[in-house]
N, C-alpha and C. Protein backbone atom coordinates (compact mmCIF):
# COMPACT_ATOMS: atom_id res chain seq x y z
N MET A 1 9.21 19.01 113.52
CA MET A 1 8.36 18.02 114.31
C MET A 1 7.21 18.71 114.92
N PRO A 2 5.97 18.15 114.74
CA PRO A 2 4.86 18.85 115.28
C PRO A 2 4.92 18.78 116.78
N THR A 3 4.17 19.86 117.33
CA THR A 3 3.97 19.91 118.78
C THR A 3 3.05 18.95 119.27
N HIS A 4 3.27 18.05 120.22
CA HIS A 4 2.32 17.16 120.65
C HIS A 4 1.42 17.80 121.71
N ARG A 5 0.06 17.59 121.52
CA ARG A 5 -0.85 18.14 122.41
C ARG A 5 -1.50 16.92 123.26
N LYS A 6 -1.78 17.13 124.47
CA LYS A 6 -2.32 16.19 125.34
C LYS A 6 -3.82 15.97 125.10
N LEU A 7 -4.24 14.74 124.96
CA LEU A 7 -5.62 14.52 124.73
C LEU A 7 -6.01 13.35 125.70
N GLU A 8 -7.07 13.51 126.46
CA GLU A 8 -7.59 12.42 127.32
C GLU A 8 -8.88 11.86 126.78
N VAL A 9 -9.02 10.57 126.72
CA VAL A 9 -10.17 9.92 126.33
C VAL A 9 -10.72 9.12 127.53
N SER A 10 -11.91 9.51 127.93
CA SER A 10 -12.43 8.91 129.19
C SER A 10 -13.03 7.55 129.16
N ALA A 11 -13.02 6.95 128.03
CA ALA A 11 -13.52 5.62 127.94
C ALA A 11 -12.79 4.85 126.75
N ARG A 12 -12.64 3.69 126.90
CA ARG A 12 -11.79 2.84 125.99
C ARG A 12 -12.50 2.69 124.61
N THR A 13 -13.77 2.38 124.68
CA THR A 13 -14.40 1.95 123.40
C THR A 13 -15.19 3.09 122.83
N PRO A 14 -14.94 3.38 121.60
CA PRO A 14 -15.44 4.76 121.04
C PRO A 14 -16.82 4.60 120.47
N HIS A 15 -17.26 3.58 119.81
CA HIS A 15 -18.58 3.60 119.11
C HIS A 15 -19.67 3.32 120.12
N ARG A 16 -19.64 2.19 120.79
CA ARG A 16 -20.52 1.99 121.86
C ARG A 16 -19.61 1.88 123.09
N TRP A 17 -19.52 2.87 123.76
CA TRP A 17 -18.46 3.12 124.71
C TRP A 17 -18.30 2.02 125.75
N ASN A 18 -19.38 1.32 126.09
CA ASN A 18 -19.30 0.20 127.12
C ASN A 18 -18.93 -1.11 126.52
N ASP A 19 -18.89 -1.19 125.25
CA ASP A 19 -18.61 -2.52 124.65
C ASP A 19 -17.09 -2.62 124.44
N ALA A 20 -16.50 -3.78 124.69
CA ALA A 20 -15.07 -4.04 124.54
C ALA A 20 -15.08 -5.08 123.37
N ASP A 21 -14.74 -4.65 122.26
CA ASP A 21 -14.59 -5.56 121.17
C ASP A 21 -13.50 -5.07 120.18
N ASP A 22 -13.03 -5.92 119.32
CA ASP A 22 -11.95 -5.58 118.38
C ASP A 22 -12.33 -4.45 117.46
N ALA A 23 -13.56 -4.33 116.98
CA ALA A 23 -14.07 -3.31 116.03
C ALA A 23 -13.95 -1.91 116.81
N ASN A 24 -14.28 -1.85 118.02
CA ASN A 24 -14.15 -0.57 118.72
C ASN A 24 -12.68 -0.27 118.94
N ASP A 25 -11.92 -1.25 119.34
CA ASP A 25 -10.44 -0.91 119.40
C ASP A 25 -9.86 -0.45 118.16
N ALA A 26 -10.34 -1.01 117.00
CA ALA A 26 -9.81 -0.62 115.73
C ALA A 26 -10.19 0.82 115.49
N ARG A 27 -11.42 1.18 115.76
CA ARG A 27 -11.89 2.64 115.53
C ARG A 27 -10.93 3.58 116.37
N LEU A 28 -10.67 3.19 117.62
CA LEU A 28 -9.84 4.05 118.44
C LEU A 28 -8.43 4.15 117.83
N SER A 29 -7.87 3.03 117.47
CA SER A 29 -6.60 2.98 116.80
C SER A 29 -6.55 3.80 115.55
N GLU A 30 -7.57 3.77 114.84
CA GLU A 30 -7.65 4.61 113.53
C GLU A 30 -7.58 6.08 113.94
N ALA A 31 -8.33 6.45 114.89
CA ALA A 31 -8.33 7.86 115.30
C ALA A 31 -6.99 8.38 115.85
N GLN A 32 -6.37 7.55 116.51
CA GLN A 32 -4.97 7.83 117.05
C GLN A 32 -3.98 7.80 115.91
N ARG A 33 -4.04 7.05 114.92
CA ARG A 33 -3.12 7.05 113.82
C ARG A 33 -3.45 8.37 112.95
N ALA A 34 -4.68 8.75 112.88
CA ALA A 34 -5.10 9.91 112.07
C ALA A 34 -4.63 11.23 112.69
N THR A 35 -4.20 11.23 113.95
CA THR A 35 -3.81 12.42 114.69
C THR A 35 -2.39 12.35 115.29
N PRO A 36 -1.46 12.11 114.49
CA PRO A 36 -0.02 11.85 114.99
C PRO A 36 0.50 13.08 115.80
N ASP A 37 -0.09 14.26 115.69
CA ASP A 37 0.44 15.35 116.59
C ASP A 37 -0.32 15.47 117.92
N TRP A 38 -1.10 14.48 118.19
CA TRP A 38 -1.78 14.46 119.46
C TRP A 38 -1.33 13.30 120.27
N THR A 39 -1.08 13.45 121.51
CA THR A 39 -0.67 12.25 122.41
C THR A 39 -2.04 11.89 123.09
N TRP A 40 -2.48 10.65 122.78
CA TRP A 40 -3.72 10.16 123.43
C TRP A 40 -3.49 9.41 124.74
N THR A 41 -4.19 9.71 125.77
CA THR A 41 -4.16 8.89 126.96
C THR A 41 -5.60 8.43 127.16
N VAL A 42 -5.79 7.08 127.10
CA VAL A 42 -7.02 6.47 127.15
C VAL A 42 -7.33 5.94 128.60
N LEU A 43 -8.38 6.42 129.20
CA LEU A 43 -8.78 5.90 130.60
C LEU A 43 -9.98 5.16 130.62
N GLY A 44 -10.20 4.20 131.46
CA GLY A 44 -11.49 3.54 131.67
C GLY A 44 -11.60 2.44 130.67
N GLY A 45 -12.69 1.67 130.91
CA GLY A 45 -13.04 0.62 129.94
C GLY A 45 -12.24 -0.61 130.29
N PRO A 46 -12.59 -1.77 129.70
CA PRO A 46 -12.03 -3.05 130.19
C PRO A 46 -10.48 -3.26 129.69
N ARG A 47 -10.05 -2.49 128.68
CA ARG A 47 -8.69 -2.71 128.14
C ARG A 47 -7.80 -1.51 128.31
N ALA A 48 -8.20 -0.48 129.06
CA ALA A 48 -7.46 0.75 129.14
C ALA A 48 -6.96 0.95 130.59
N ALA A 49 -6.17 1.96 130.75
CA ALA A 49 -5.73 2.26 132.12
C ALA A 49 -6.82 2.69 133.07
N TRP A 50 -6.61 2.35 134.30
CA TRP A 50 -7.62 2.64 135.28
C TRP A 50 -6.77 3.53 136.38
N LEU A 51 -7.25 4.68 136.62
CA LEU A 51 -6.61 5.51 137.65
C LEU A 51 -7.62 5.75 138.84
N ASP A 52 -7.04 5.73 140.05
CA ASP A 52 -7.87 5.99 141.23
C ASP A 52 -8.39 7.53 141.15
N ASP A 53 -7.53 8.32 140.57
CA ASP A 53 -7.76 9.85 140.63
C ASP A 53 -7.40 10.27 139.28
N PRO A 54 -8.32 10.39 138.28
CA PRO A 54 -7.91 10.94 136.88
C PRO A 54 -7.92 12.49 136.98
N TRP A 55 -8.21 13.14 138.07
CA TRP A 55 -8.35 14.64 138.05
C TRP A 55 -7.06 15.27 137.58
N PRO A 56 -5.85 14.93 138.10
CA PRO A 56 -4.63 15.59 137.59
C PRO A 56 -4.47 15.57 136.08
N LEU A 57 -4.81 14.34 135.44
CA LEU A 57 -4.72 14.28 134.01
C LEU A 57 -5.79 15.12 133.32
N LEU A 58 -7.03 15.23 133.89
CA LEU A 58 -8.07 16.10 133.26
C LEU A 58 -7.51 17.50 133.33
N CYS A 59 -6.90 17.96 134.46
CA CYS A 59 -6.49 19.30 134.58
C CYS A 59 -5.35 19.67 133.55
N ARG A 60 -4.57 18.65 133.24
CA ARG A 60 -3.45 18.99 132.30
C ARG A 60 -3.81 18.75 130.85
N ALA A 61 -4.93 18.09 130.52
CA ALA A 61 -5.33 17.78 129.20
C ALA A 61 -5.68 19.08 128.37
N ARG A 62 -5.31 18.99 127.10
CA ARG A 62 -5.68 20.08 126.14
C ARG A 62 -7.07 19.92 125.75
N LEU A 63 -7.47 18.61 125.76
CA LEU A 63 -8.80 18.31 125.26
C LEU A 63 -9.25 16.97 125.84
N VAL A 64 -10.54 16.81 126.16
CA VAL A 64 -11.02 15.51 126.70
C VAL A 64 -12.23 15.10 125.75
N ILE A 65 -12.07 13.83 125.40
CA ILE A 65 -13.22 13.16 124.60
C ILE A 65 -13.99 12.29 125.63
N THR A 66 -15.23 12.49 125.75
CA THR A 66 -16.03 11.63 126.67
C THR A 66 -17.46 11.42 126.15
N HIS A 67 -18.21 10.61 126.88
CA HIS A 67 -19.60 10.46 126.58
C HIS A 67 -20.25 11.71 127.33
N ALA A 68 -21.62 11.70 127.24
CA ALA A 68 -22.45 12.74 127.86
C ALA A 68 -23.06 12.44 129.18
N GLY A 69 -22.48 11.51 129.93
CA GLY A 69 -22.97 11.22 131.28
C GLY A 69 -22.66 12.42 132.18
N GLN A 70 -23.57 12.65 133.20
CA GLN A 70 -23.59 13.81 134.01
C GLN A 70 -22.31 13.88 134.79
N ASN A 71 -21.79 12.80 135.30
CA ASN A 71 -20.52 12.80 136.04
C ASN A 71 -19.34 13.28 135.19
N ALA A 72 -19.25 12.65 133.95
CA ALA A 72 -18.24 12.96 133.13
C ALA A 72 -18.28 14.44 132.69
N VAL A 73 -19.47 14.85 132.37
CA VAL A 73 -19.62 16.35 131.97
C VAL A 73 -19.22 17.24 133.13
N ALA A 74 -19.65 16.94 134.30
CA ALA A 74 -19.41 17.69 135.53
C ALA A 74 -17.81 17.80 135.85
N GLU A 75 -17.21 16.70 135.53
CA GLU A 75 -15.69 16.73 135.78
C GLU A 75 -15.01 17.60 134.82
N CYS A 76 -15.51 17.49 133.50
CA CYS A 76 -14.87 18.35 132.48
C CYS A 76 -15.17 19.88 132.83
N ALA A 77 -16.41 20.11 133.26
CA ALA A 77 -16.76 21.50 133.57
C ALA A 77 -15.89 21.95 134.75
N ALA A 78 -15.64 21.19 135.68
CA ALA A 78 -14.88 21.63 136.90
C ALA A 78 -13.44 21.81 136.55
N ALA A 79 -12.94 20.98 135.66
CA ALA A 79 -11.57 21.03 135.18
C ALA A 79 -11.36 22.21 134.21
N ARG A 80 -12.46 22.80 133.70
CA ARG A 80 -12.50 23.79 132.68
C ARG A 80 -11.67 23.37 131.38
N VAL A 81 -11.87 22.19 130.98
CA VAL A 81 -11.06 21.72 129.85
C VAL A 81 -12.00 21.59 128.60
N PRO A 82 -11.47 22.04 127.52
CA PRO A 82 -12.20 21.87 126.22
C PRO A 82 -12.69 20.38 126.07
N THR A 83 -13.94 20.11 125.64
CA THR A 83 -14.45 18.73 125.64
C THR A 83 -15.15 18.46 124.33
N LEU A 84 -14.83 17.32 123.83
CA LEU A 84 -15.50 16.75 122.70
C LEU A 84 -16.46 15.63 123.29
N VAL A 85 -17.80 15.81 123.13
CA VAL A 85 -18.70 14.88 123.67
C VAL A 85 -19.39 13.95 122.50
N ILE A 86 -19.32 12.69 122.78
CA ILE A 86 -20.01 11.74 121.91
C ILE A 86 -20.92 10.93 122.74
N PRO A 87 -22.28 11.27 122.78
CA PRO A 87 -23.18 10.61 123.62
C PRO A 87 -23.29 9.16 123.46
N GLN A 88 -23.54 8.43 124.52
CA GLN A 88 -23.84 6.93 124.45
C GLN A 88 -25.40 6.85 124.14
N ASP A 89 -25.69 5.71 123.53
CA ASP A 89 -27.06 5.46 123.41
C ASP A 89 -27.60 4.85 124.79
N ARG A 90 -28.69 5.48 125.31
CA ARG A 90 -29.29 5.00 126.54
C ARG A 90 -30.76 4.82 126.31
N PRO A 91 -31.46 4.06 127.07
CA PRO A 91 -32.94 3.78 126.84
C PRO A 91 -33.81 5.02 126.72
N TYR A 92 -33.38 6.08 127.47
CA TYR A 92 -34.25 7.38 127.44
C TYR A 92 -33.54 8.42 126.78
N ARG A 93 -32.45 8.10 126.05
CA ARG A 93 -31.70 9.18 125.29
C ARG A 93 -31.30 10.29 126.09
N GLU A 94 -31.10 10.08 127.42
CA GLU A 94 -30.63 11.18 128.26
C GLU A 94 -29.24 11.84 127.90
N GLN A 95 -28.44 10.96 127.43
CA GLN A 95 -27.09 11.52 126.97
C GLN A 95 -27.24 12.37 125.71
N HIS A 96 -28.10 12.04 124.85
CA HIS A 96 -28.35 12.86 123.61
C HIS A 96 -28.95 14.18 124.09
N ALA A 97 -29.87 14.08 125.00
CA ALA A 97 -30.42 15.38 125.62
C ALA A 97 -29.33 16.27 126.16
N THR A 98 -28.41 15.67 126.94
CA THR A 98 -27.34 16.44 127.52
C THR A 98 -26.49 17.00 126.51
N ALA A 99 -26.14 16.15 125.45
CA ALA A 99 -25.31 16.66 124.36
C ALA A 99 -25.91 17.82 123.61
N HIS A 100 -27.27 17.70 123.35
CA HIS A 100 -27.94 18.72 122.71
C HIS A 100 -27.82 20.02 123.49
N ALA A 101 -28.04 19.94 124.87
CA ALA A 101 -27.93 21.14 125.63
C ALA A 101 -26.59 21.73 125.69
N LEU A 102 -25.47 20.86 125.73
CA LEU A 102 -24.17 21.43 125.61
C LEU A 102 -23.88 22.10 124.23
N ARG A 103 -24.31 21.52 123.21
CA ARG A 103 -24.10 22.13 121.94
C ARG A 103 -24.81 23.50 121.85
N ALA A 104 -26.15 23.50 122.25
CA ALA A 104 -26.87 24.71 122.17
C ALA A 104 -26.29 25.83 123.02
N ALA A 105 -25.69 25.48 124.12
CA ALA A 105 -25.08 26.48 125.03
C ALA A 105 -23.59 26.87 124.58
N GLY A 106 -23.11 26.19 123.62
CA GLY A 106 -21.71 26.46 123.19
C GLY A 106 -20.70 25.97 124.24
N LEU A 107 -21.02 25.03 125.06
CA LEU A 107 -20.08 24.57 126.13
C LEU A 107 -19.08 23.49 125.66
N ALA A 108 -19.51 22.69 124.69
CA ALA A 108 -18.67 21.64 124.21
C ALA A 108 -18.87 21.30 122.72
N THR A 109 -17.96 20.76 122.11
CA THR A 109 -18.04 20.24 120.79
C THR A 109 -18.79 18.92 120.85
N VAL A 110 -19.77 18.72 120.10
CA VAL A 110 -20.58 17.47 120.12
C VAL A 110 -20.64 16.82 118.80
N ARG A 111 -20.47 15.57 118.81
CA ARG A 111 -20.64 14.56 117.70
C ARG A 111 -21.70 13.57 118.16
N GLU A 112 -22.66 13.23 117.25
CA GLU A 112 -23.65 12.28 117.61
C GLU A 112 -23.12 10.84 117.39
N ASP A 113 -22.06 10.71 116.55
CA ASP A 113 -21.52 9.45 116.20
C ASP A 113 -20.03 9.55 116.18
N TRP A 114 -19.33 8.35 116.14
CA TRP A 114 -17.89 8.34 116.09
C TRP A 114 -17.39 8.86 114.78
N PRO A 115 -16.51 9.80 114.65
CA PRO A 115 -16.11 10.31 113.41
C PRO A 115 -15.17 9.38 112.63
N ALA A 116 -15.21 9.52 111.27
CA ALA A 116 -14.29 8.74 110.43
C ALA A 116 -12.82 9.23 110.65
N ALA A 117 -11.95 8.40 110.44
CA ALA A 117 -10.58 8.66 110.67
C ALA A 117 -10.14 10.08 110.18
N GLY A 118 -10.40 10.39 108.84
CA GLY A 118 -10.14 11.63 108.23
C GLY A 118 -10.61 12.86 108.92
N GLU A 119 -11.71 12.72 109.72
CA GLU A 119 -12.35 13.92 110.30
C GLU A 119 -11.65 14.20 111.59
N TRP A 120 -10.85 13.41 112.17
CA TRP A 120 -10.37 13.70 113.50
C TRP A 120 -9.35 14.88 113.59
N PRO A 121 -8.47 15.08 112.75
CA PRO A 121 -7.55 16.21 112.96
C PRO A 121 -8.28 17.54 113.11
N ALA A 122 -9.09 17.82 112.07
CA ALA A 122 -9.91 19.18 112.14
C ALA A 122 -10.89 19.14 113.40
N LEU A 123 -11.40 18.06 113.67
CA LEU A 123 -12.40 18.01 114.74
C LEU A 123 -11.64 18.25 116.15
N LEU A 124 -10.51 17.64 116.34
CA LEU A 124 -9.74 17.93 117.62
C LEU A 124 -9.20 19.29 117.67
N SER A 125 -8.79 19.86 116.58
CA SER A 125 -8.39 21.35 116.55
C SER A 125 -9.55 22.23 116.90
N ARG A 126 -10.72 21.93 116.17
CA ARG A 126 -11.81 22.81 116.47
C ARG A 126 -12.22 22.74 118.03
N ALA A 127 -12.36 21.49 118.50
CA ALA A 127 -12.80 21.15 119.91
C ALA A 127 -11.85 21.87 120.93
N ALA A 128 -10.54 21.73 120.55
CA ALA A 128 -9.54 22.35 121.59
C ALA A 128 -9.53 23.89 121.58
N ALA A 129 -10.03 24.48 120.45
CA ALA A 129 -10.07 25.91 120.32
C ALA A 129 -11.32 26.48 120.95
N GLN A 130 -12.28 25.57 121.38
CA GLN A 130 -13.55 26.04 122.02
C GLN A 130 -13.30 26.97 123.13
N PRO A 131 -13.90 28.20 123.17
CA PRO A 131 -13.70 29.04 124.38
C PRO A 131 -14.27 28.45 125.70
N ASP A 132 -13.67 28.76 126.76
CA ASP A 132 -14.07 28.30 128.02
C ASP A 132 -15.35 28.94 128.47
N ARG A 133 -16.45 28.27 128.43
CA ARG A 133 -17.71 28.83 128.84
C ARG A 133 -18.37 27.91 129.92
N TRP A 134 -17.48 26.99 130.60
CA TRP A 134 -17.91 26.01 131.51
C TRP A 134 -18.59 26.72 132.75
N ASP A 135 -18.24 27.87 133.10
CA ASP A 135 -18.80 28.54 134.24
C ASP A 135 -20.35 28.74 134.12
N GLU A 136 -20.82 28.62 132.92
CA GLU A 136 -22.26 28.57 132.71
C GLU A 136 -22.92 27.29 133.16
N TRP A 137 -22.07 26.24 133.22
CA TRP A 137 -22.53 24.90 133.57
C TRP A 137 -22.36 24.73 135.04
N SER A 138 -21.07 25.15 135.52
CA SER A 138 -20.68 24.87 136.87
C SER A 138 -19.77 25.95 137.26
N HIS A 139 -20.15 26.70 138.28
CA HIS A 139 -19.37 27.82 138.79
C HIS A 139 -18.03 27.39 139.40
N GLY A 140 -17.85 26.12 139.74
CA GLY A 140 -16.64 25.59 140.20
C GLY A 140 -16.50 25.66 141.73
N ASP A 141 -17.44 26.24 142.40
CA ASP A 141 -17.41 26.43 143.78
C ASP A 141 -18.52 25.71 144.47
N GLY A 142 -19.02 24.58 144.01
CA GLY A 142 -20.18 23.96 144.48
C GLY A 142 -19.91 23.42 145.98
N ALA A 143 -18.75 22.84 146.27
CA ALA A 143 -18.51 22.34 147.61
C ALA A 143 -18.40 23.47 148.61
N GLN A 144 -17.83 24.57 148.16
CA GLN A 144 -17.73 25.80 149.14
C GLN A 144 -19.15 26.38 149.37
N ARG A 145 -19.90 26.51 148.25
CA ARG A 145 -21.24 27.00 148.38
C ARG A 145 -22.09 26.16 149.33
N ALA A 146 -22.07 24.81 149.16
CA ALA A 146 -22.72 23.85 149.98
C ALA A 146 -22.32 24.01 151.41
N ALA A 147 -20.96 24.11 151.70
CA ALA A 147 -20.48 24.24 153.12
C ALA A 147 -21.03 25.53 153.67
N ARG A 148 -21.05 26.65 152.91
CA ARG A 148 -21.56 27.88 153.48
C ARG A 148 -23.05 27.76 153.82
N LEU A 149 -23.80 27.09 152.91
CA LEU A 149 -25.26 27.00 153.17
C LEU A 149 -25.45 26.07 154.43
N LEU A 150 -24.74 25.00 154.56
CA LEU A 150 -24.96 24.10 155.69
C LEU A 150 -24.43 24.87 157.01
N THR A 151 -23.42 25.55 156.89
CA THR A 151 -22.88 26.25 158.15
C THR A 151 -23.98 27.35 158.54
N ASP A 152 -24.62 28.01 157.49
CA ASP A 152 -25.55 28.99 157.83
C ASP A 152 -26.80 28.29 158.37
N LEU A 153 -27.17 27.20 157.88
CA LEU A 153 -28.35 26.45 158.43
C LEU A 153 -28.06 25.86 159.82
N ALA A 154 -26.91 25.41 160.02
CA ALA A 154 -26.57 24.89 161.37
C ALA A 154 -26.55 26.05 162.43
N SER A 155 -26.06 27.21 162.08
CA SER A 155 -26.03 28.40 162.99
C SER A 155 -27.38 28.89 163.36
N ARG A 156 -28.46 28.54 162.69
CA ARG A 156 -29.76 28.93 162.96
C ARG A 156 -30.39 28.22 164.19
N GLY A 157 -29.84 27.02 164.51
CA GLY A 157 -30.26 26.32 165.62
C GLY A 157 -31.39 25.31 165.18
N PRO A 158 -31.96 24.61 166.08
CA PRO A 158 -32.93 23.61 165.64
C PRO A 158 -34.19 24.31 165.13
N ALA A 159 -34.84 23.78 164.11
CA ALA A 159 -36.05 24.23 163.60
C ALA A 159 -37.24 24.02 164.52
N PRO A 160 -38.13 24.92 164.51
CA PRO A 160 -39.38 24.67 165.44
C PRO A 160 -40.07 23.41 164.99
N ARG A 161 -40.65 22.75 165.99
CA ARG A 161 -41.42 21.55 165.62
C ARG A 161 -42.75 21.97 164.92
N ALA A 162 -43.05 21.13 163.96
CA ALA A 162 -44.33 21.38 163.35
C ALA A 162 -45.52 21.01 164.16
N SER A 163 -46.59 21.71 164.10
CA SER A 163 -47.81 21.47 164.83
C SER A 163 -48.49 20.22 164.12
N ALA A 164 -49.31 19.58 164.86
CA ALA A 164 -50.04 18.43 164.38
C ALA A 164 -50.78 18.72 163.08
N SER A 165 -51.28 19.96 162.89
CA SER A 165 -52.04 20.29 161.71
C SER A 165 -51.18 20.33 160.44
N HIS A 166 -49.80 20.33 160.71
CA HIS A 166 -48.96 20.42 159.52
C HIS A 166 -48.22 19.19 159.24
N THR A 167 -48.47 18.07 159.92
CA THR A 167 -47.89 16.80 159.70
C THR A 167 -48.56 16.04 158.64
N SER A 168 -47.77 15.06 158.05
CA SER A 168 -48.37 14.21 157.06
C SER A 168 -49.49 13.42 157.55
N ALA A 169 -49.62 13.16 158.78
CA ALA A 169 -50.77 12.40 159.33
C ALA A 169 -52.02 13.16 159.19
N SER A 170 -52.01 14.52 159.02
CA SER A 170 -53.23 15.22 159.00
C SER A 170 -53.62 15.49 157.63
N ARG A 171 -52.85 15.04 156.59
CA ARG A 171 -53.19 15.25 155.19
C ARG A 171 -54.33 14.18 154.78
N ALA A 172 -55.15 14.74 153.90
CA ALA A 172 -56.11 13.85 153.27
C ALA A 172 -55.39 12.92 152.33
N PRO A 173 -55.87 11.72 152.09
CA PRO A 173 -55.22 10.91 151.07
C PRO A 173 -55.11 11.59 149.70
N GLY A 174 -53.94 11.43 149.05
CA GLY A 174 -53.74 12.06 147.78
C GLY A 174 -53.36 13.51 147.89
N GLN A 175 -53.19 13.99 149.10
CA GLN A 175 -52.80 15.53 149.18
C GLN A 175 -51.36 15.53 149.56
N GLY A 176 -50.63 16.36 148.83
CA GLY A 176 -49.16 16.63 149.06
C GLY A 176 -48.91 17.65 150.12
N ALA A 177 -47.58 17.92 150.44
CA ALA A 177 -47.30 18.85 151.43
C ALA A 177 -47.85 20.19 151.20
N CYS A 178 -48.02 20.51 149.88
CA CYS A 178 -48.50 21.87 149.45
C CYS A 178 -50.06 21.83 149.31
N GLY A 179 -50.79 20.78 149.61
CA GLY A 179 -52.27 20.74 149.42
C GLY A 179 -52.48 19.92 148.20
N PRO A 180 -53.86 19.83 147.83
CA PRO A 180 -54.24 19.00 146.72
C PRO A 180 -53.68 19.57 145.37
N ARG A 181 -53.47 18.76 144.40
CA ARG A 181 -52.94 19.19 143.02
C ARG A 181 -54.02 19.03 142.07
């Protein structure tokens, strides 16, 4: 009997992640049937489970499939979990730009479109074997670093008040804080 590996999918609908329709559900079902040695846990979307705190699942996952939104990518980076990224279409193609950066840095496995059923087994194996390079994206200590910086700033005491010559009222129209551009 094959060893089951945990897989988390962060959105319910695979092709156009925000759309809930029978065609998208069928694509997801096809992917699940094509990978019987993987246990899929689908989160988010209109027809899938909703958790107040998906963090424990992310931390236990062998692999996460997600879109290329900044929050989703940041969560995968913080969890240090191998990630398969399939960017959503957005008006400014920002998710495609993020996916391109992730691929170029070797941080995640990226697909520009939803894979055919027969591609899933090899794709999941390749993505799960991706070495952990997430520390290049997120050091994992952002909250602690922010707390140290704020504590340091607070310990300095109040900042000196700016003189009238340095206030915005003294700037010429069209002049920024650093002078004319």
